[in-house]
N, C-alpha and C. Protein backbone atom coordinates (compact mmCIF):
# COMPACT_ATOMS: atom_id res chain seq x y z
N MET A 1 -48.79 -25.75 -21.10
CA MET A 1 -48.33 -25.87 -19.70
C MET A 1 -47.79 -25.21 -18.47
N MET A 2 -47.66 -25.34 -17.55
CA MET A 2 -47.10 -24.30 -16.37
C MET A 2 -46.43 -25.11 -15.94
N SER A 3 -45.15 -24.65 -15.95
CA SER A 3 -43.74 -24.75 -15.12
C SER A 3 -44.17 -24.77 -13.56
N ALA A 4 -43.23 -25.40 -13.49
CA ALA A 4 -42.69 -25.35 -11.96
C ALA A 4 -41.85 -24.10 -11.79
N PRO A 5 -41.89 -23.56 -10.44
CA PRO A 5 -40.89 -21.88 -10.00
C PRO A 5 -39.69 -22.64 -10.11
N SER A 6 -38.80 -21.83 -10.97
CA SER A 6 -37.38 -22.74 -11.11
C SER A 6 -36.65 -23.06 -9.52
N ALA A 7 -35.79 -23.77 -9.44
CA ALA A 7 -35.12 -24.06 -8.26
C ALA A 7 -34.39 -22.54 -7.58
N LYS A 8 -33.92 -21.85 -8.58
CA LYS A 8 -33.26 -20.39 -8.37
C LYS A 8 -34.09 -19.35 -7.92
N ALA A 9 -35.35 -19.15 -8.25
CA ALA A 9 -36.80 -18.81 -7.08
C ALA A 9 -36.06 -19.44 -5.79
N ALA A 10 -36.25 -20.11 -5.48
CA ALA A 10 -36.13 -20.70 -4.22
C ALA A 10 -35.30 -19.68 -2.99
N GLU A 11 -34.58 -19.14 -3.47
CA GLU A 11 -33.70 -18.50 -2.79
C GLU A 11 -33.80 -16.22 -2.90
N LEU A 12 -33.94 -16.03 -1.98
CA LEU A 12 -34.61 -14.49 -2.68
C LEU A 12 -32.81 -13.58 -2.53
N PRO A 13 -32.41 -12.67 -3.72
CA PRO A 13 -31.39 -12.08 -3.82
C PRO A 13 -31.56 -10.99 -2.12
N GLY A 14 -30.46 -10.76 -2.33
CA GLY A 14 -30.27 -9.56 -0.41
C GLY A 14 -30.84 -8.71 -0.48
N ALA A 15 -30.97 -7.81 -2.02
CA ALA A 15 -32.12 -6.81 -1.61
C ALA A 15 -33.69 -6.99 -1.94
N LEU A 16 -33.41 -8.12 -1.86
CA LEU A 16 -35.29 -9.13 -0.97
C LEU A 16 -35.84 -9.50 -0.30
N GLN A 17 -34.72 -9.86 0.71
CA GLN A 17 -35.06 -10.29 1.99
C GLN A 17 -35.23 -9.26 3.03
N PRO A 18 -36.57 -9.13 3.42
CA PRO A 18 -37.14 -8.25 4.09
C PRO A 18 -36.09 -8.34 5.74
N SER A 19 -36.44 -7.05 6.18
CA SER A 19 -36.05 -7.02 7.62
C SER A 19 -37.25 -6.33 8.59
N CYS A 20 -37.83 -5.81 7.50
CA CYS A 20 -39.31 -5.63 8.62
C CYS A 20 -40.23 -5.20 7.32
N ARG A 21 -41.59 -4.73 7.99
CA ARG A 21 -42.62 -4.61 6.58
C ARG A 21 -42.48 -3.73 5.90
N LYS A 22 -41.53 -2.67 5.93
CA LYS A 22 -41.41 -1.70 5.33
C LYS A 22 -40.14 -2.16 4.12
N THR A 23 -39.23 -2.54 4.41
CA THR A 23 -38.48 -3.52 3.39
C THR A 23 -39.20 -4.68 2.60
N ALA A 24 -40.00 -5.06 3.29
CA ALA A 24 -41.24 -6.51 2.56
C ALA A 24 -41.39 -5.39 1.12
N ALA A 25 -42.44 -4.22 1.96
CA ALA A 25 -42.93 -3.16 0.86
C ALA A 25 -42.27 -3.06 -0.50
N HIS A 26 -40.81 -2.82 -0.13
CA HIS A 26 -40.30 -2.21 -1.25
C HIS A 26 -39.22 -3.26 -1.96
N ALA A 27 -39.48 -4.02 -1.06
CA ALA A 27 -39.08 -5.86 -2.24
C ALA A 27 -40.17 -6.12 -2.98
N LEU A 28 -40.88 -6.20 -2.76
CA LEU A 28 -42.66 -6.47 -3.36
C LEU A 28 -42.65 -5.34 -4.75
N THR A 29 -42.07 -3.93 -4.60
CA THR A 29 -41.73 -3.17 -5.33
C THR A 29 -40.65 -3.08 -6.20
N ILE A 30 -39.70 -4.28 -6.46
CA ILE A 30 -38.84 -4.81 -7.33
C ILE A 30 -39.64 -5.91 -8.35
N VAL A 31 -40.81 -6.77 -7.63
CA VAL A 31 -40.52 -7.36 -8.07
C VAL A 31 -41.20 -7.03 -9.08
N ARG A 32 -42.46 -5.84 -8.76
CA ARG A 32 -43.50 -4.83 -9.89
C ARG A 32 -42.33 -4.49 -10.99
N ASP A 33 -41.25 -4.06 -10.35
CA ASP A 33 -40.38 -3.61 -11.94
C ASP A 33 -40.15 -4.87 -12.40
N GLY A 34 -39.57 -5.68 -12.20
CA GLY A 34 -39.00 -6.87 -13.00
C GLY A 34 -40.35 -7.31 -13.64
N VAL A 35 -41.63 -7.19 -13.22
CA VAL A 35 -43.15 -7.73 -13.87
C VAL A 35 -43.24 -6.44 -15.11
N ILE A 36 -43.07 -6.09 -14.50
CA ILE A 36 -42.98 -4.35 -15.91
C ILE A 36 -41.94 -4.70 -17.28
N THR A 37 -40.83 -4.59 -16.53
CA THR A 37 -39.80 -4.30 -17.97
C THR A 37 -39.00 -5.72 -17.71
N GLY A 38 -39.13 -7.19 -17.68
CA GLY A 38 -38.67 -7.87 -17.72
C GLY A 38 -37.44 -8.04 -17.54
N GLU A 39 -36.97 -7.74 -16.53
CA GLU A 39 -35.22 -7.27 -16.18
C GLU A 39 -35.33 -7.04 -14.75
N GLY A 40 -34.18 -7.22 -14.35
CA GLY A 40 -33.77 -7.37 -13.03
C GLY A 40 -33.62 -8.54 -11.99
N PRO A 41 -33.42 -8.64 -10.65
CA PRO A 41 -33.04 -9.25 -9.82
C PRO A 41 -34.02 -10.47 -9.60
N THR A 42 -34.49 -10.08 -9.73
CA THR A 42 -36.07 -11.12 -10.29
C THR A 42 -36.03 -11.89 -11.04
N THR A 43 -35.60 -11.84 -12.47
CA THR A 43 -35.72 -12.43 -13.65
C THR A 43 -34.24 -12.44 -13.72
N LYS A 44 -33.32 -12.61 -13.05
CA LYS A 44 -32.55 -13.21 -13.70
C LYS A 44 -31.99 -15.04 -14.28
N GLY A 45 -31.66 -14.77 -14.92
CA GLY A 45 -31.24 -16.42 -14.81
C GLY A 45 -31.97 -17.27 -15.83
N ARG A 46 -33.20 -16.72 -16.36
CA ARG A 46 -34.50 -17.06 -17.00
C ARG A 46 -35.15 -16.11 -18.11
N ILE A 47 -35.69 -16.57 -18.70
CA ILE A 47 -36.48 -16.03 -19.94
C ILE A 47 -37.92 -15.45 -19.10
N HIS A 48 -38.00 -13.78 -19.04
CA HIS A 48 -39.19 -12.92 -18.43
C HIS A 48 -39.89 -12.15 -19.28
N PHE A 49 -40.87 -11.90 -19.83
CA PHE A 49 -41.51 -10.64 -21.12
C PHE A 49 -41.83 -9.81 -19.83
N SER A 50 -42.00 -8.54 -20.22
CA SER A 50 -42.37 -7.45 -19.84
C SER A 50 -43.97 -7.82 -19.63
N ARG A 51 -44.51 -6.93 -18.71
CA ARG A 51 -46.13 -6.92 -17.94
C ARG A 51 -46.58 -8.91 -17.97
N ALA A 52 -45.93 -9.47 -17.72
CA ALA A 52 -46.10 -11.26 -17.33
C ALA A 52 -45.60 -11.43 -15.55
N LEU A 53 -46.37 -12.17 -15.80
CA LEU A 53 -46.58 -12.65 -13.56
C LEU A 53 -46.33 -14.11 -13.93
N ASP A 54 -45.29 -14.65 -13.84
CA ASP A 54 -45.12 -16.13 -13.75
C ASP A 54 -45.22 -16.90 -12.52
N ALA A 55 -45.12 -17.96 -12.64
CA ALA A 55 -45.31 -19.04 -11.27
C ALA A 55 -43.79 -18.02 -10.23
N ASP A 56 -42.54 -18.16 -11.29
CA ASP A 56 -41.64 -17.80 -9.80
C ASP A 56 -41.94 -16.01 -9.41
N ASP A 57 -42.43 -15.29 -10.30
CA ASP A 57 -42.66 -14.16 -9.81
C ASP A 57 -44.03 -14.24 -8.25
N ALA A 58 -44.93 -15.00 -8.34
CA ALA A 58 -45.68 -15.48 -7.44
C ALA A 58 -45.36 -15.84 -6.01
N ALA A 59 -44.20 -16.43 -6.01
CA ALA A 59 -43.19 -17.50 -5.16
C ALA A 59 -42.67 -16.53 -4.57
N CYS A 60 -42.14 -15.96 -5.51
CA CYS A 60 -41.16 -14.78 -4.82
C CYS A 60 -41.73 -13.78 -4.01
N CYS A 61 -43.16 -13.19 -4.26
CA CYS A 61 -44.03 -12.43 -3.25
C CYS A 61 -44.29 -13.18 -2.19
N ALA A 62 -44.37 -14.24 -2.51
CA ALA A 62 -45.18 -15.28 -0.82
C ALA A 62 -43.94 -15.51 -0.13
N ARG A 63 -42.86 -15.44 -0.66
CA ARG A 63 -41.31 -15.81 0.45
C ARG A 63 -41.01 -14.18 0.82
N ILE A 64 -41.13 -13.46 0.44
CA ILE A 64 -40.85 -11.78 0.49
C ILE A 64 -41.70 -11.49 1.78
N LEU A 65 -43.74 -12.28 1.67
CA LEU A 65 -44.59 -12.09 2.69
C LEU A 65 -44.35 -12.73 4.27
N THR A 66 -43.93 -14.00 3.52
CA THR A 66 -43.86 -14.88 4.26
C THR A 66 -42.23 -14.48 5.48
N ALA A 67 -41.53 -14.11 5.14
CA ALA A 67 -40.13 -14.02 5.60
C ALA A 67 -40.11 -13.96 6.76
N ALA A 68 -39.05 -14.38 7.68
CA ALA A 68 -38.81 -14.84 9.44
C ALA A 68 -39.30 -13.32 10.09
N ALA A 69 -38.43 -12.27 9.04
CA ALA A 69 -38.26 -11.03 9.95
C ALA A 69 -40.12 -10.17 9.99
N VAL A 70 -40.83 -10.58 9.07
CA VAL A 70 -42.47 -10.21 8.86
C VAL A 70 -43.52 -11.27 9.55
N GLU A 71 -42.75 -12.58 9.48
CA GLU A 71 -44.30 -13.29 9.83
C GLU A 71 -45.39 -13.46 10.85
N HIS A 72 -44.18 -12.94 11.86
CA HIS A 72 -45.38 -12.79 12.90
C HIS A 72 -46.20 -11.43 12.91
N GLN A 73 -46.41 -10.68 12.03
CA GLN A 73 -46.74 -9.09 12.01
C GLN A 73 -48.38 -8.98 11.09
N PRO A 74 -49.51 -8.67 11.33
CA PRO A 74 -50.12 -8.42 10.29
C PRO A 74 -49.82 -7.90 8.69
N VAL A 75 -50.07 -8.41 7.67
CA VAL A 75 -49.44 -7.46 6.17
C VAL A 75 -49.90 -6.15 6.05
N CYS A 76 -48.94 -5.06 6.15
CA CYS A 76 -49.59 -3.41 6.09
C CYS A 76 -50.13 -3.22 5.10
N ARG A 77 -50.38 -1.96 5.16
CA ARG A 77 -50.92 -0.98 4.09
C ARG A 77 -49.72 -1.03 3.16
N ALA A 78 -48.63 -0.98 2.96
CA ALA A 78 -47.57 -0.77 1.65
C ALA A 78 -47.42 -2.03 1.49
N GLU A 79 -47.64 -2.49 2.36
CA GLU A 79 -47.52 -4.71 1.05
C GLU A 79 -48.38 -4.64 0.28
N VAL A 80 -49.70 -4.20 0.85
CA VAL A 80 -51.10 -4.67 -0.02
C VAL A 80 -51.30 -3.40 -1.19
N GLU A 81 -50.42 -2.33 -0.88
CA GLU A 81 -50.36 -1.41 -1.95
C GLU A 81 -49.82 -1.57 -3.48
N ALA A 82 -48.09 -2.49 -2.77
CA ALA A 82 -47.36 -3.38 -3.94
C ALA A 82 -47.90 -4.28 -4.27
N LEU A 83 -48.73 -4.79 -3.83
CA LEU A 83 -49.42 -5.77 -4.27
C LEU A 83 -50.22 -5.51 -5.23
N PHE A 84 -51.14 -4.80 -5.02
CA PHE A 84 -51.87 -4.21 -6.14
C PHE A 84 -51.31 -3.33 -7.35
N GLU A 85 -50.47 -3.33 -7.03
CA GLU A 85 -49.20 -2.67 -7.95
C GLU A 85 -48.49 -3.85 -9.09
N ILE A 86 -48.19 -4.79 -8.41
CA ILE A 86 -47.68 -5.49 -9.00
C ILE A 86 -49.64 -6.53 -9.99
N HIS A 87 -50.13 -6.26 -9.38
CA HIS A 87 -51.82 -6.89 -10.10
C HIS A 87 -52.11 -6.58 -11.49
N ASP A 88 -51.96 -4.65 -11.30
CA ASP A 88 -52.25 -4.02 -12.18
C ASP A 88 -51.18 -3.97 -13.15
N ALA A 89 -49.73 -4.38 -12.71
CA ALA A 89 -48.83 -4.32 -13.79
C ALA A 89 -48.71 -5.25 -15.03
N ALA A 90 -49.43 -6.62 -14.15
CA ALA A 90 -49.92 -8.09 -14.83
C ALA A 90 -50.62 -8.16 -15.64
N ALA A 91 -50.47 -8.17 -17.43
CA ALA A 91 -51.33 -7.95 -18.44
C ALA A 91 -51.37 -9.70 -18.56
N GLU A 92 -50.58 -9.94 -18.73
CA GLU A 92 -50.07 -11.36 -18.71
C GLU A 92 -49.90 -12.57 -17.76
N ARG A 93 -50.45 -13.57 -17.66
CA ARG A 93 -50.16 -14.40 -16.49
C ARG A 93 -50.09 -16.19 -16.44
N SER A 94 -49.35 -16.34 -15.95
CA SER A 94 -48.75 -18.24 -16.24
C SER A 94 -48.59 -18.47 -14.72
N ASP A 95 -48.90 -17.72 -13.74
CA ASP A 95 -48.68 -18.67 -12.59
C ASP A 95 -49.65 -19.66 -11.93
N GLY A 96 -50.81 -20.14 -12.22
CA GLY A 96 -51.70 -20.94 -11.85
C GLY A 96 -52.94 -20.42 -11.52
N GLY A 97 -52.95 -18.95 -11.22
CA GLY A 97 -53.97 -18.20 -10.20
C GLY A 97 -53.36 -18.20 -8.73
N ARG A 98 -51.88 -18.33 -8.55
CA ARG A 98 -51.31 -18.32 -7.23
C ARG A 98 -51.28 -16.70 -7.03
N PHE A 99 -51.21 -16.00 -7.80
CA PHE A 99 -50.81 -14.32 -7.21
C PHE A 99 -52.12 -14.09 -6.73
N ASP A 100 -53.24 -14.14 -7.67
CA ASP A 100 -54.77 -13.98 -6.97
C ASP A 100 -55.13 -14.35 -5.53
N ASP A 101 -54.52 -15.72 -5.79
CA ASP A 101 -54.83 -16.13 -4.36
C ASP A 101 -54.07 -15.61 -3.03
N LEU A 102 -52.64 -15.31 -3.18
CA LEU A 102 -52.08 -14.14 -2.41
C LEU A 102 -52.48 -12.74 -2.11
N LEU A 103 -52.47 -12.13 -3.09
CA LEU A 103 -53.26 -11.19 -3.24
C LEU A 103 -54.24 -10.95 -2.06
N ALA A 104 -55.54 -11.71 -1.87
CA ALA A 104 -57.17 -12.05 -1.44
C ALA A 104 -56.78 -12.51 0.01
N LYS A 105 -55.44 -12.84 0.21
CA LYS A 105 -55.39 -13.18 1.21
C LYS A 105 -54.96 -12.59 1.97
N ALA A 106 -53.26 -11.28 1.60
CA ALA A 106 -52.75 -10.04 1.88
C ALA A 106 -53.98 -9.51 2.57
N VAL A 107 -54.53 -8.42 1.40
CA VAL A 107 -56.35 -7.93 1.94
C VAL A 107 -56.87 -8.18 3.35
N ALA A 108 -57.23 -9.72 3.38
CA ALA A 108 -58.31 -9.73 4.03
C ALA A 108 -57.14 -9.88 5.08
N HIS A 109 -55.94 -10.26 5.30
CA HIS A 109 -54.99 -10.70 6.81
C HIS A 109 -55.01 -8.80 7.04
N HIS A 110 -53.84 -7.63 6.05
CA HIS A 110 -54.58 -6.56 6.22
C HIS A 110 -55.79 -6.19 7.18
N ALA A 111 -56.92 -5.89 6.31
CA ALA A 111 -58.45 -5.88 7.02
C ALA A 111 -58.88 -6.27 8.24
N ALA A 112 -58.49 -7.44 8.52
CA ALA A 112 -58.72 -8.01 9.29
C ALA A 112 -58.07 -7.50 10.85
N ALA A 113 -56.84 -7.29 10.68
CA ALA A 113 -55.35 -6.72 11.64
C ALA A 113 -56.11 -5.56 11.75
N GLU A 114 -56.53 -4.55 10.81
CA GLU A 114 -56.98 -3.34 10.90
C GLU A 114 -58.23 -3.22 12.43
N SER A 115 -59.41 -3.91 11.47
CA SER A 115 -60.32 -3.49 12.14
C SER A 115 -60.26 -4.38 13.24
N GLY A 116 -58.54 -5.21 14.03
CA GLY A 116 -58.80 -5.11 15.54
C GLY A 116 -58.92 -6.83 15.66
N LEU A 117 -59.14 -7.59 14.60
CA LEU A 117 -59.10 -9.04 14.70
C LEU A 117 -57.96 -9.89 15.03
N PRO A 118 -57.53 -10.84 15.33
CA PRO A 118 -56.76 -11.29 15.18
C PRO A 118 -56.52 -12.32 14.26
N VAL A 119 -55.09 -12.07 14.23
CA VAL A 119 -54.82 -13.02 12.27
C VAL A 119 -53.58 -13.59 12.53
N PRO A 120 -53.68 -15.21 11.60
CA PRO A 120 -53.14 -15.90 11.90
C PRO A 120 -51.69 -15.59 12.08
N PRO A 121 -50.10 -16.25 11.84
CA PRO A 121 -49.29 -15.57 11.09
C PRO A 121 -49.28 -15.88 9.66
N ARG A 122 -48.26 -15.22 8.82
CA ARG A 122 -48.90 -15.17 7.63
C ARG A 122 -48.33 -16.54 7.00
N THR A 123 -47.36 -17.00 7.93
CA THR A 123 -46.80 -18.34 6.91
C THR A 123 -48.06 -19.34 6.76
N ILE A 124 -48.94 -18.98 7.78
CA ILE A 124 -50.29 -20.16 7.51
C ILE A 124 -51.53 -19.21 6.49
N ALA A 125 -51.37 -17.78 7.00
CA ALA A 125 -52.37 -17.04 6.33
C ALA A 125 -52.32 -17.05 5.10
N LEU A 126 -51.28 -17.18 4.59
CA LEU A 126 -51.14 -16.89 2.98
C LEU A 126 -50.82 -18.05 2.26
N SER A 127 -50.70 -18.96 2.90
CA SER A 127 -50.11 -20.29 2.42
C SER A 127 -51.50 -21.35 1.17
N PRO A 128 -51.06 -21.42 0.05
CA PRO A 128 -52.08 -21.76 -0.86
C PRO A 128 -52.59 -23.15 -0.16
N ASP A 129 -52.23 -23.69 0.54
CA ASP A 129 -53.22 -24.98 1.39
C ASP A 129 -53.77 -24.51 1.99
N THR A 130 -54.01 -23.46 2.66
CA THR A 130 -54.49 -22.74 3.93
C THR A 130 -55.68 -22.18 3.00
N ASP A 131 -57.32 -22.66 3.43
CA ASP A 131 -58.52 -22.14 2.70
C ASP A 131 -58.39 -20.88 3.63
N ILE A 132 -58.73 -19.90 2.69
CA ILE A 132 -58.82 -18.43 3.17
C ILE A 132 -60.12 -18.08 4.56
N ALA A 133 -61.14 -19.38 3.99
CA ALA A 133 -62.60 -19.40 4.69
C ALA A 133 -62.13 -19.72 6.41
N SER A 134 -60.56 -20.63 6.75
CA SER A 134 -61.05 -21.11 7.71
C SER A 134 -60.00 -20.30 8.83
N TRP A 135 -59.52 -18.82 8.49
CA TRP A 135 -59.07 -17.86 9.49
C TRP A 135 -59.63 -16.38 9.08
N ALA A 136 -60.53 -16.02 7.63
CA ALA A 136 -60.75 -14.74 7.21
C ALA A 136 -62.13 -15.01 8.13
N PRO A 137 -62.51 -13.13 8.40
CA PRO A 137 -63.84 -13.23 8.75
C PRO A 137 -64.87 -13.61 7.95
N THR A 138 -66.00 -14.83 8.16
CA THR A 138 -67.20 -14.91 7.39
C THR A 138 -68.23 -14.18 7.43
N GLN A 139 -68.69 -13.60 8.22
CA GLN A 139 -69.28 -12.87 8.43
C GLN A 139 -68.64 -11.28 8.70
N ALA A 140 -69.81 -10.61 8.45
CA ALA A 140 -69.38 -9.05 8.32
C ALA A 140 -69.07 -8.71 10.10
N ILE A 141 -67.90 -7.68 10.07
CA ILE A 141 -67.11 -7.14 10.80
C ILE A 141 -67.12 -5.58 11.14
N LYS A 142 -67.22 -5.14 12.54
CA LYS A 142 -67.33 -3.99 12.63
C LYS A 142 -65.47 -3.58 12.10
N ALA A 143 -65.67 -3.78 11.44
CA ALA A 143 -63.94 -3.26 10.35
C ALA A 143 -63.51 -1.55 10.33
N ASN A 144 -62.17 -1.03 10.25
CA ASN A 144 -61.67 -0.01 9.92
C ASN A 144 -62.37 0.54 9.20
N SER A 145 -63.07 1.35 9.02
CA SER A 145 -63.81 1.91 7.76
C SER A 145 -62.74 2.43 6.46
N GLU A 146 -61.74 3.63 7.05
CA GLU A 146 -60.75 4.06 6.60
C GLU A 146 -59.79 3.07 5.76
N ALA A 147 -60.02 1.82 6.56
CA ALA A 147 -59.05 0.70 5.90
C ALA A 147 -59.74 0.37 4.60
N LEU A 148 -60.88 0.17 5.32
CA LEU A 148 -61.87 -0.50 3.63
C LEU A 148 -61.85 0.44 2.75
N GLN A 149 -61.90 1.70 2.63
CA GLN A 149 -62.43 2.31 1.89
C GLN A 149 -61.17 2.55 0.81
N TRP A 150 -59.82 2.38 1.58
CA TRP A 150 -58.88 2.41 1.12
C TRP A 150 -58.59 0.90 0.29
N ILE A 151 -58.97 0.06 0.10
CA ILE A 151 -59.10 -1.12 -0.20
C ILE A 151 -60.50 -1.45 -1.24
N ALA A 152 -61.07 -0.27 -1.03
CA ALA A 152 -62.20 -0.31 -2.38
C ALA A 152 -61.37 0.83 -3.20
N SER A 153 -60.81 1.76 -2.63
CA SER A 153 -60.29 2.34 -3.90
C SER A 153 -59.51 2.15 -4.56
N GLN A 154 -58.74 0.97 -4.34
CA GLN A 154 -57.40 -0.19 -4.79
C GLN A 154 -58.18 -1.09 -5.79
N MET A 155 -58.81 -1.08 -5.21
CA MET A 155 -59.94 -2.15 -6.72
C MET A 155 -60.91 -1.58 -7.56
N ARG A 156 -61.70 -0.39 -7.25
CA ARG A 156 -62.37 0.44 -7.91
C ARG A 156 -61.92 0.85 -9.45
N GLY A 157 -62.70 0.08 -10.66
CA GLY A 157 -61.91 0.27 -11.61
C GLY A 157 -60.76 -0.40 -12.26
N LYS A 158 -60.88 -1.35 -11.83
CA LYS A 158 -59.81 -2.47 -12.54
C LYS A 158 -60.20 -3.43 -13.33
N HIS A 159 -59.70 -3.79 -14.24
CA HIS A 159 -60.51 -4.65 -15.59
C HIS A 159 -59.91 -6.02 -14.94
N ARG A 160 -58.66 -6.43 -14.43
CA ARG A 160 -58.91 -7.56 -14.08
C ARG A 160 -59.33 -7.99 -12.45
N GLY A 161 -60.11 -8.68 -12.79
CA GLY A 161 -61.34 -9.33 -11.72
C GLY A 161 -60.62 -10.52 -11.08
N ASN A 162 -60.73 -10.37 -9.76
CA ASN A 162 -60.35 -11.42 -8.49
C ASN A 162 -61.44 -11.46 -7.89
N ARG A 163 -62.33 -12.36 -7.94
CA ARG A 163 -63.38 -13.21 -7.61
C ARG A 163 -62.84 -13.48 -6.03
N THR A 164 -62.02 -13.85 -5.95
CA THR A 164 -61.84 -14.54 -4.37
C THR A 164 -61.66 -13.16 -3.66
N LEU A 165 -60.94 -11.82 -4.12
CA LEU A 165 -61.09 -10.51 -3.49
C LEU A 165 -62.27 -9.86 -3.14
N VAL A 166 -62.73 -9.82 -4.33
CA VAL A 166 -63.80 -9.11 -4.04
C VAL A 166 -65.06 -10.04 -3.09
N ALA A 167 -65.26 -11.62 -2.97
CA ALA A 167 -66.16 -12.00 -2.14
C ALA A 167 -65.56 -12.19 -0.63
N VAL A 168 -63.90 -12.31 -0.25
CA VAL A 168 -63.44 -11.65 0.99
C VAL A 168 -63.55 -10.04 1.04
N VAL A 169 -63.66 -9.46 0.70
CA VAL A 169 -63.64 -7.78 0.83
C VAL A 169 -65.35 -7.41 0.91
N ALA A 170 -66.10 -7.78 0.44
CA ALA A 170 -67.76 -8.19 0.38
C ALA A 170 -67.81 -8.66 1.89
N THR A 171 -67.15 -9.46 2.64
CA THR A 171 -67.71 -10.25 3.10
C THR A 171 -67.06 -9.46 4.92
N VAL A 172 -65.91 -8.88 4.33
CA VAL A 172 -64.96 -7.93 5.60
C VAL A 172 -65.76 -7.03 5.63
N VAL A 173 -66.24 -6.21 4.70
CA VAL A 173 -67.23 -4.97 4.69
C VAL A 173 -68.56 -5.33 4.92
N GLY A 174 -68.79 -5.93 5.33
CA GLY A 174 -70.39 -6.45 5.13
C GLY A 174 -71.59 -5.80 4.33
N ALA A 175 -71.11 -6.40 2.70
CA ALA A 175 -71.92 -5.85 1.79
C ALA A 175 -73.57 -6.08 2.43
N ALA A 176 -73.98 -6.93 3.27
CA ALA A 176 -75.68 -7.18 3.41
C ALA A 176 -76.05 -5.49 4.15
N THR A 177 -74.86 -4.85 5.05
CA THR A 177 -75.37 -4.27 6.18
C THR A 177 -74.89 -2.61 5.84
N LEU A 178 -74.55 -2.88 3.68
CA LEU A 178 -74.23 -1.35 3.33
C LEU A 178 -75.56 -0.70 2.66
N PRO A 179 -76.04 0.42 2.94
CA PRO A 179 -77.46 0.68 1.82
C PRO A 179 -76.95 0.03 0.68
N LEU A 180 -78.22 -0.83 -0.48
CA LEU A 180 -78.12 -0.84 -1.35
C LEU A 180 -77.44 0.05 -2.56
N ALA A 181 -77.62 1.24 -2.31
CA ALA A 181 -77.49 2.71 -2.79
C ALA A 181 -75.85 2.72 -3.09
N GLN A 182 -74.90 2.69 -1.75
CA GLN A 182 -73.64 2.20 -1.69
C GLN A 182 -72.75 1.45 -2.34
N PHE A 183 -73.62 0.37 -2.49
CA PHE A 183 -72.69 -0.69 -3.01
C PHE A 183 -71.97 -0.81 -4.53
N PRO A 184 -72.56 0.22 -5.46
CA PRO A 184 -72.00 0.20 -6.89
C PRO A 184 -70.36 0.78 -6.24
N ASN A 185 -70.50 1.75 -5.18
CA ASN A 185 -69.52 2.83 -4.91
C ASN A 185 -68.07 2.33 -4.40
N VAL A 186 -67.97 0.51 -4.02
CA VAL A 186 -67.42 0.29 -3.15
C VAL A 186 -66.95 -0.46 -4.21
N PHE A 187 -67.90 -1.38 -4.95
CA PHE A 187 -67.32 -2.11 -6.05
C PHE A 187 -67.54 -1.68 -7.55
N ASP A 188 -66.37 -1.58 -8.34
CA ASP A 188 -66.62 -1.10 -9.82
C ASP A 188 -67.46 -2.58 -10.44
N ILE A 189 -68.62 -2.48 -11.11
CA ILE A 189 -69.36 -3.56 -11.20
C ILE A 189 -67.77 -4.75 -12.34
N GLY A 190 -67.25 -3.87 -13.08
CA GLY A 190 -66.61 -4.73 -13.92
C GLY A 190 -65.50 -5.78 -13.73
N MET A 191 -65.49 -5.39 -11.45
CA MET A 191 -64.60 -6.40 -11.13
C MET A 191 -65.22 -7.42 -10.78
N ILE A 192 -66.46 -7.78 -10.26
CA ILE A 192 -67.77 -8.75 -10.54
C ILE A 192 -67.49 -9.77 -11.36
């Protein structure tokens, strides 16, 4: 049975209070380090095993990504990269799928913004109560190919699948518009 995030997790330690997207990305690397080691400012006052991601970790990532200093800016590549690193570091999950939802929405927010599409504020776009289909592109778009190649490279060869992320990226990339021969190069078949 999964417990709700602890009350201590409601406030971010000073080192995790972002002032811009760069410091938000750095704060996410601190969360990653806590997931890897089970120690550090993100795990204080609670039992945390190494290589585990729990509801408090997912909630901490969400608070970092939706902090007032970055709320009205698109999710940047460094933030998405840090989220992928957290995703890769967590061998055990007890967050009820919240982190995977957050990762998929952050990737979609980044890709849509890089492609010149308007994106809602992060507090709306990344909320677990907001359906990603309500704001993310639902049809193939003329996307920033460099950004999409980078996202595909982050996903390639990952052992832990994220169906929401695969579906979002397939939509943004416009998988139907790619020649069939290129499709396996975008997604490792193990992700699906």
